[in-house]
């Protein structure tokens, strides 16, 4: 009986943890370049495209990860979606002061595709979304 109680508590803790993080993903992102709020989790096109299987995730893997792989020969740091926080990804895309943005590597992407990559990285970044932060459209 004691093991059943412990197992029940562990399942309850796991489900609480899962629900908390499932809801923690941001549904909207403020874009500093366009001064607009992008709704990225309404079940529409931006929702789909901000996922790993959507245009943002696909372009990130095709363009960004072509250099930013582990042990690459280009000197690029290894990157994945959780390399930075949501706010940090937004700053990278807003200021465009990174080597990639300056050297033309982003030139293969249209402005819309860059926005979709930013949406993808923002939505899938290190879990730092704050729903009370006005900069996140919260």
N, C-alpha and C. Protein backbone atom coordinates (compact mmCIF):
# COMPACT_ATOMS: atom_id res chain seq x y z
N UNK A 1 0.82 -1.19 0.00
CA UNK A 1 0.00 0.00 0.00
C UNK A 1 0.87 1.27 0.00
N UNK A 2 1.97 1.20 0.76
CA UNK A 2 2.86 2.34 0.85
C UNK A 2 3.48 2.67 -0.52
N UNK A 3 3.84 1.64 -1.30
CA UNK A 3 4.42 1.85 -2.62
C UNK A 3 3.41 2.47 -3.57
N UNK A 4 2.17 2.10 -3.43
CA UNK A 4 1.12 2.67 -4.27
C UNK A 4 0.97 4.16 -4.00
N UNK A 5 1.07 4.56 -2.75
CA UNK A 5 0.98 5.98 -2.39
C UNK A 5 2.16 6.76 -2.94
N UNK A 6 3.36 6.20 -2.80
CA UNK A 6 4.55 6.87 -3.33
C UNK A 6 4.45 6.98 -4.85
N UNK A 7 4.02 5.95 -5.51
CA UNK A 7 3.87 5.97 -6.97
C UNK A 7 2.83 7.01 -7.38
N UNK A 8 1.74 7.11 -6.64
CA UNK A 8 0.69 8.09 -6.94
C UNK A 8 1.23 9.50 -6.81
N UNK A 9 2.00 9.75 -5.77
CA UNK A 9 2.60 11.07 -5.57
C UNK A 9 3.57 11.39 -6.70
N UNK A 10 4.40 10.44 -7.07
CA UNK A 10 5.36 10.67 -8.15
C UNK A 10 4.66 10.95 -9.48
N UNK A 11 3.59 10.24 -9.76
CA UNK A 11 2.82 10.48 -10.98
C UNK A 11 2.20 11.87 -10.93
N UNK A 12 1.67 12.26 -9.79
CA UNK A 12 1.07 13.59 -9.65
C UNK A 12 2.11 14.69 -9.85
N UNK A 13 3.31 14.50 -9.28
CA UNK A 13 4.38 15.48 -9.45
C UNK A 13 4.79 15.56 -10.92
N UNK A 14 4.95 14.43 -11.57
CA UNK A 14 5.33 14.41 -12.98
C UNK A 14 4.28 15.11 -13.83
N UNK A 15 3.01 14.83 -13.62
CA UNK A 15 1.95 15.46 -14.42
C UNK A 15 1.90 16.96 -14.18
N UNK A 16 2.08 17.38 -12.94
CA UNK A 16 2.11 18.81 -12.64
C UNK A 16 3.27 19.48 -13.36
N UNK A 17 4.44 18.86 -13.32
CA UNK A 17 5.63 19.37 -14.00
C UNK A 17 5.37 19.46 -15.51
N UNK A 18 4.82 18.41 -16.10
CA UNK A 18 4.56 18.37 -17.53
C UNK A 18 3.56 19.45 -17.94
N UNK A 19 2.47 19.59 -17.22
CA UNK A 19 1.46 20.60 -17.54
C UNK A 19 2.03 22.00 -17.40
N UNK A 20 2.83 22.23 -16.36
CA UNK A 20 3.43 23.54 -16.16
C UNK A 20 4.29 23.93 -17.35
N UNK A 21 5.17 23.03 -17.79
CA UNK A 21 6.05 23.37 -18.90
C UNK A 21 5.34 23.35 -20.24
N UNK A 22 4.31 22.54 -20.39
CA UNK A 22 3.55 22.55 -21.64
C UNK A 22 2.88 23.90 -21.82
N UNK A 23 2.45 24.51 -20.74
CA UNK A 23 1.80 25.81 -20.80
C UNK A 23 2.80 26.96 -20.79
N UNK A 24 4.06 26.69 -20.44
CA UNK A 24 5.05 27.75 -20.30
C UNK A 24 5.56 28.26 -21.64
N UNK A 25 5.32 27.53 -22.70
CA UNK A 25 5.80 27.99 -24.01
C UNK A 25 5.07 29.26 -24.39
N UNK A 26 5.80 30.23 -24.88
CA UNK A 26 5.15 31.49 -25.24
C UNK A 26 4.22 31.36 -26.43
N UNK A 27 3.16 32.13 -26.40
CA UNK A 27 2.19 32.13 -27.48
C UNK A 27 2.29 33.37 -28.34
N UNK A 28 3.07 34.33 -27.89
CA UNK A 28 3.24 35.56 -28.68
C UNK A 28 4.63 36.13 -28.43
N UNK A 29 5.08 36.91 -29.41
CA UNK A 29 6.43 37.47 -29.35
C UNK A 29 6.41 38.89 -29.87
N UNK A 30 6.99 39.82 -29.10
CA UNK A 30 7.11 41.19 -29.58
C UNK A 30 8.34 41.29 -30.46
N UNK A 31 8.15 41.79 -31.67
CA UNK A 31 9.26 41.95 -32.61
C UNK A 31 9.70 43.40 -32.60
N UNK A 32 10.90 43.66 -32.13
CA UNK A 32 11.42 45.02 -32.01
C UNK A 32 11.63 45.69 -33.36
N UNK A 33 11.92 44.92 -34.39
CA UNK A 33 12.18 45.52 -35.71
C UNK A 33 10.90 46.06 -36.34
N UNK A 34 9.81 45.33 -36.20
CA UNK A 34 8.55 45.77 -36.81
C UNK A 34 7.64 46.46 -35.81
N UNK A 35 8.02 46.42 -34.53
CA UNK A 35 7.21 46.99 -33.44
C UNK A 35 5.82 46.37 -33.39
N UNK A 36 5.77 45.08 -33.68
CA UNK A 36 4.49 44.37 -33.69
C UNK A 36 4.57 43.13 -32.82
N UNK A 37 3.41 42.72 -32.35
CA UNK A 37 3.30 41.49 -31.59
C UNK A 37 2.93 40.37 -32.56
N UNK A 38 3.72 39.32 -32.55
CA UNK A 38 3.46 38.18 -33.42
C UNK A 38 2.81 37.08 -32.60
N UNK A 39 1.61 36.69 -32.95
CA UNK A 39 0.89 35.62 -32.27
C UNK A 39 1.38 34.30 -32.87
N UNK A 40 2.14 33.56 -32.08
CA UNK A 40 2.78 32.35 -32.60
C UNK A 40 2.18 31.06 -32.07
N UNK A 41 1.07 31.13 -31.37
CA UNK A 41 0.47 29.90 -30.83
C UNK A 41 -1.06 29.95 -30.85
N UNK A 42 -1.63 30.39 -31.94
CA UNK A 42 -3.09 30.47 -32.02
C UNK A 42 -3.69 29.36 -32.87
N UNK A 43 -2.85 28.41 -33.27
CA UNK A 43 -3.33 27.34 -34.14
C UNK A 43 -3.24 27.70 -35.61
N UNK A 44 -2.73 28.88 -35.90
CA UNK A 44 -2.63 29.33 -37.29
C UNK A 44 -1.28 29.05 -37.91
N UNK A 45 -1.00 29.77 -38.97
CA UNK A 45 0.22 29.56 -39.75
C UNK A 45 1.49 29.79 -38.93
N UNK A 46 1.53 30.86 -38.11
CA UNK A 46 2.74 31.12 -37.32
C UNK A 46 2.93 30.08 -36.24
N UNK A 47 1.83 29.52 -35.73
CA UNK A 47 1.92 28.44 -34.75
C UNK A 47 2.64 27.25 -35.38
N UNK A 48 2.20 26.84 -36.53
CA UNK A 48 2.81 25.70 -37.25
C UNK A 48 4.28 26.01 -37.57
N UNK A 49 4.54 27.19 -38.10
CA UNK A 49 5.88 27.54 -38.57
C UNK A 49 6.88 27.78 -37.45
N UNK A 50 6.40 27.99 -36.21
CA UNK A 50 7.32 28.20 -35.10
C UNK A 50 7.67 26.89 -34.38
N UNK A 51 7.27 25.78 -34.96
CA UNK A 51 7.59 24.46 -34.42
C UNK A 51 8.77 23.86 -35.19
N UNK A 52 9.38 22.82 -34.66
CA UNK A 52 10.53 22.22 -35.36
C UNK A 52 10.21 21.74 -36.78
N UNK A 53 8.98 21.33 -37.04
CA UNK A 53 8.59 20.84 -38.37
C UNK A 53 8.12 21.96 -39.29
N UNK A 54 7.97 23.17 -38.78
CA UNK A 54 7.52 24.29 -39.59
C UNK A 54 8.68 25.00 -40.26
N UNK A 55 8.36 26.05 -40.99
CA UNK A 55 9.37 26.78 -41.76
C UNK A 55 10.49 27.35 -40.88
N UNK A 56 10.17 27.84 -39.69
CA UNK A 56 11.20 28.39 -38.81
C UNK A 56 12.21 27.34 -38.38
N UNK A 57 11.72 26.18 -37.96
CA UNK A 57 12.61 25.10 -37.55
C UNK A 57 13.40 24.54 -38.71
N UNK A 58 12.75 24.40 -39.84
CA UNK A 58 13.42 23.86 -41.03
C UNK A 58 14.53 24.81 -41.49
N UNK A 59 14.24 26.10 -41.54
CA UNK A 59 15.25 27.08 -41.98
C UNK A 59 16.40 27.17 -40.97
N UNK A 60 16.09 27.06 -39.69
CA UNK A 60 17.15 27.07 -38.68
C UNK A 60 18.12 25.92 -38.92
N UNK A 61 17.58 24.73 -39.15
CA UNK A 61 18.45 23.57 -39.37
C UNK A 61 19.17 23.67 -40.71
N UNK A 62 18.50 24.16 -41.74
CA UNK A 62 19.11 24.21 -43.08
C UNK A 62 20.17 25.31 -43.19
N UNK A 63 19.89 26.47 -42.64
CA UNK A 63 20.79 27.62 -42.83
C UNK A 63 21.74 27.78 -41.63
N UNK A 64 21.17 27.93 -40.46
CA UNK A 64 22.00 28.21 -39.28
C UNK A 64 22.86 27.01 -38.89
N UNK A 65 22.25 25.84 -38.85
CA UNK A 65 22.98 24.66 -38.43
C UNK A 65 23.96 24.17 -39.49
N UNK A 66 23.94 24.75 -40.68
CA UNK A 66 24.94 24.38 -41.68
C UNK A 66 26.33 24.81 -41.21
N UNK A 67 26.40 25.82 -40.36
CA UNK A 67 27.67 26.25 -39.77
C UNK A 67 27.76 25.94 -38.28
N UNK A 68 26.67 26.13 -37.57
CA UNK A 68 26.68 26.05 -36.11
C UNK A 68 26.48 24.63 -35.59
N UNK A 69 27.23 23.69 -36.14
CA UNK A 69 27.19 22.31 -35.65
C UNK A 69 28.34 22.11 -34.67
N UNK A 70 28.24 21.05 -33.92
CA UNK A 70 29.32 20.73 -32.98
C UNK A 70 30.58 20.37 -33.77
N UNK A 71 31.72 20.89 -33.34
CA UNK A 71 33.02 20.61 -33.96
C UNK A 71 33.07 20.98 -35.45
N UNK A 72 32.46 22.11 -35.80
CA UNK A 72 32.50 22.54 -37.20
C UNK A 72 33.87 23.11 -37.53
N UNK A 73 34.16 23.23 -38.82
CA UNK A 73 35.46 23.74 -39.25
C UNK A 73 35.41 25.22 -39.62
N UNK A 74 34.30 25.89 -39.33
CA UNK A 74 34.14 27.30 -39.69
C UNK A 74 34.37 28.25 -38.52
N UNK A 75 34.57 27.70 -37.33
CA UNK A 75 34.78 28.53 -36.16
C UNK A 75 33.49 29.06 -35.55
N UNK A 76 32.38 28.59 -36.03
CA UNK A 76 31.08 29.03 -35.51
C UNK A 76 30.77 28.28 -34.21
N UNK A 77 30.21 28.99 -33.26
CA UNK A 77 29.85 28.33 -32.00
C UNK A 77 28.70 27.37 -32.23
N UNK A 78 28.66 26.29 -31.47
CA UNK A 78 27.58 25.32 -31.54
C UNK A 78 26.30 25.98 -31.02
N UNK A 79 25.23 25.86 -31.77
CA UNK A 79 23.94 26.45 -31.38
C UNK A 79 22.82 25.43 -31.49
N UNK A 80 21.88 25.56 -30.61
CA UNK A 80 20.60 24.86 -30.72
C UNK A 80 19.56 25.81 -30.14
N UNK A 81 18.29 25.48 -30.24
CA UNK A 81 17.22 26.39 -29.83
C UNK A 81 17.38 26.85 -28.39
N UNK A 82 17.88 26.00 -27.52
CA UNK A 82 17.99 26.36 -26.11
C UNK A 82 19.35 26.97 -25.76
N UNK A 83 20.12 27.37 -26.76
CA UNK A 83 21.40 28.01 -26.47
C UNK A 83 21.23 29.35 -25.79
N UNK A 84 20.13 30.02 -26.04
CA UNK A 84 19.85 31.34 -25.47
C UNK A 84 18.43 31.37 -24.92
N UNK A 85 18.17 32.39 -24.15
CA UNK A 85 16.81 32.61 -23.66
C UNK A 85 15.97 33.23 -24.77
N UNK A 86 14.69 33.26 -24.57
CA UNK A 86 13.79 33.87 -25.55
C UNK A 86 14.16 35.32 -25.80
N UNK A 87 14.39 36.07 -24.73
CA UNK A 87 14.75 37.49 -24.87
C UNK A 87 16.08 37.66 -25.60
N UNK A 88 17.03 36.78 -25.31
CA UNK A 88 18.34 36.88 -25.98
C UNK A 88 18.20 36.62 -27.48
N UNK A 89 17.40 35.62 -27.86
CA UNK A 89 17.19 35.38 -29.29
C UNK A 89 16.55 36.60 -29.93
N UNK A 90 15.58 37.21 -29.27
CA UNK A 90 14.95 38.40 -29.82
C UNK A 90 15.97 39.51 -30.04
N UNK A 91 16.88 39.71 -29.09
CA UNK A 91 17.91 40.75 -29.23
C UNK A 91 18.85 40.46 -30.39
N UNK A 92 19.23 39.19 -30.54
CA UNK A 92 20.11 38.80 -31.64
C UNK A 92 19.48 39.16 -32.98
N UNK A 93 18.20 38.85 -33.13
CA UNK A 93 17.52 39.11 -34.40
C UNK A 93 17.16 40.58 -34.57
N UNK A 94 16.93 41.30 -33.49
CA UNK A 94 16.58 42.72 -33.59
C UNK A 94 17.80 43.57 -33.93
N UNK A 95 18.92 43.31 -33.25
CA UNK A 95 20.12 44.13 -33.44
C UNK A 95 20.97 43.69 -34.62
N UNK A 96 20.94 42.42 -34.93
CA UNK A 96 21.68 41.86 -36.07
C UNK A 96 23.15 42.25 -36.08
N UNK A 97 23.77 42.14 -34.92
CA UNK A 97 25.19 42.46 -34.78
C UNK A 97 26.05 41.21 -34.75
N UNK A 98 25.46 40.05 -34.94
CA UNK A 98 26.23 38.81 -34.93
C UNK A 98 27.06 38.70 -36.21
N UNK A 99 28.08 37.90 -36.16
CA UNK A 99 28.94 37.68 -37.32
C UNK A 99 28.10 37.20 -38.51
N UNK A 100 27.18 36.30 -38.24
CA UNK A 100 26.34 35.74 -39.32
C UNK A 100 25.52 36.81 -40.04
N UNK A 101 24.96 37.70 -39.26
CA UNK A 101 24.15 38.77 -39.86
C UNK A 101 25.02 39.74 -40.64
N UNK A 102 26.22 40.01 -40.12
CA UNK A 102 27.12 40.97 -40.75
C UNK A 102 27.80 40.43 -42.00
N UNK A 103 28.13 39.13 -42.00
CA UNK A 103 28.90 38.60 -43.12
C UNK A 103 28.04 38.12 -44.29
N UNK A 104 26.74 38.27 -44.17
CA UNK A 104 25.85 37.90 -45.27
C UNK A 104 25.29 36.50 -45.21
N UNK A 105 25.62 35.75 -44.17
CA UNK A 105 25.11 34.38 -44.07
C UNK A 105 23.59 34.34 -44.00
N UNK A 106 23.00 35.38 -43.42
CA UNK A 106 21.54 35.44 -43.34
C UNK A 106 20.92 35.87 -44.67
N UNK A 107 21.77 36.28 -45.63
CA UNK A 107 21.29 36.77 -46.92
C UNK A 107 20.53 35.75 -47.74
N UNK A 108 20.70 34.47 -47.45
CA UNK A 108 19.97 33.44 -48.19
C UNK A 108 18.52 33.35 -47.73
N UNK A 109 18.20 34.02 -46.61
CA UNK A 109 16.85 34.02 -46.07
C UNK A 109 16.14 35.33 -46.40
N UNK A 110 14.88 35.25 -46.72
CA UNK A 110 14.08 36.47 -46.89
C UNK A 110 13.79 37.05 -45.51
N UNK A 111 13.32 38.27 -45.46
CA UNK A 111 12.97 38.88 -44.18
C UNK A 111 11.89 38.07 -43.47
N UNK A 112 10.92 37.56 -44.22
CA UNK A 112 9.87 36.72 -43.62
C UNK A 112 10.46 35.44 -43.04
N UNK A 113 11.41 34.83 -43.73
CA UNK A 113 12.03 33.60 -43.22
C UNK A 113 12.85 33.88 -41.96
N UNK A 114 13.52 35.03 -41.93
CA UNK A 114 14.27 35.41 -40.72
C UNK A 114 13.30 35.56 -39.55
N UNK A 115 12.15 36.16 -39.79
CA UNK A 115 11.13 36.30 -38.74
C UNK A 115 10.67 34.93 -38.25
N UNK A 116 10.49 33.99 -39.17
CA UNK A 116 10.04 32.64 -38.79
C UNK A 116 11.10 31.91 -37.98
N UNK A 117 12.37 32.08 -38.34
CA UNK A 117 13.45 31.47 -37.56
C UNK A 117 13.46 32.09 -36.16
N UNK A 118 13.30 33.40 -36.08
CA UNK A 118 13.24 34.08 -34.78
C UNK A 118 12.05 33.56 -33.96
N UNK A 119 10.89 33.40 -34.61
CA UNK A 119 9.71 32.85 -33.92
C UNK A 119 10.01 31.47 -33.36
N UNK A 120 10.62 30.63 -34.19
CA UNK A 120 10.96 29.25 -33.78
C UNK A 120 11.90 29.26 -32.57
N UNK A 121 12.98 30.05 -32.67
CA UNK A 121 13.96 30.07 -31.59
C UNK A 121 13.38 30.70 -30.33
N UNK A 122 12.59 31.73 -30.47
CA UNK A 122 11.95 32.36 -29.32
C UNK A 122 11.03 31.38 -28.61
N UNK A 123 10.24 30.68 -29.37
CA UNK A 123 9.25 29.76 -28.79
C UNK A 123 9.88 28.52 -28.18
N UNK A 124 11.02 28.11 -28.69
CA UNK A 124 11.65 26.88 -28.24
C UNK A 124 12.93 27.12 -27.45
N UNK A 125 13.15 28.35 -27.01
CA UNK A 125 14.37 28.72 -26.28
C UNK A 125 14.35 28.18 -24.87
N UNK A 126 15.43 28.47 -24.18
CA UNK A 126 15.53 28.13 -22.78
C UNK A 126 14.29 28.66 -22.07
N UNK A 127 13.72 27.93 -21.16
CA UNK A 127 12.41 28.24 -20.56
C UNK A 127 12.45 29.50 -19.71
N UNK A 128 12.35 30.63 -20.36
CA UNK A 128 12.40 31.89 -19.63
C UNK A 128 11.23 32.80 -19.93
N UNK A 129 10.23 32.33 -20.63
CA UNK A 129 9.10 33.17 -20.96
C UNK A 129 8.40 33.65 -19.68
N UNK A 130 8.19 34.94 -19.59
CA UNK A 130 7.51 35.53 -18.45
C UNK A 130 6.21 36.16 -18.93
N UNK A 131 5.05 35.59 -18.58
CA UNK A 131 3.78 36.12 -19.05
C UNK A 131 3.48 37.50 -18.50
N UNK A 132 4.23 37.94 -17.49
CA UNK A 132 4.01 39.27 -16.90
C UNK A 132 4.93 40.32 -17.50
N UNK A 133 5.72 39.96 -18.49
CA UNK A 133 6.67 40.86 -19.10
C UNK A 133 6.05 41.49 -20.34
N UNK A 134 5.89 42.80 -20.32
CA UNK A 134 5.26 43.49 -21.44
C UNK A 134 6.07 43.37 -22.72
N UNK A 135 7.39 43.19 -22.60
CA UNK A 135 8.21 43.02 -23.79
C UNK A 135 7.89 41.72 -24.52
N UNK A 136 7.29 40.77 -23.83
CA UNK A 136 6.89 39.51 -24.44
C UNK A 136 5.42 39.53 -24.85
N UNK A 137 4.83 40.70 -24.88
CA UNK A 137 3.41 40.87 -25.19
C UNK A 137 2.53 40.25 -24.11
N UNK A 138 3.05 40.04 -22.91
CA UNK A 138 2.31 39.37 -21.85
C UNK A 138 1.28 40.24 -21.20
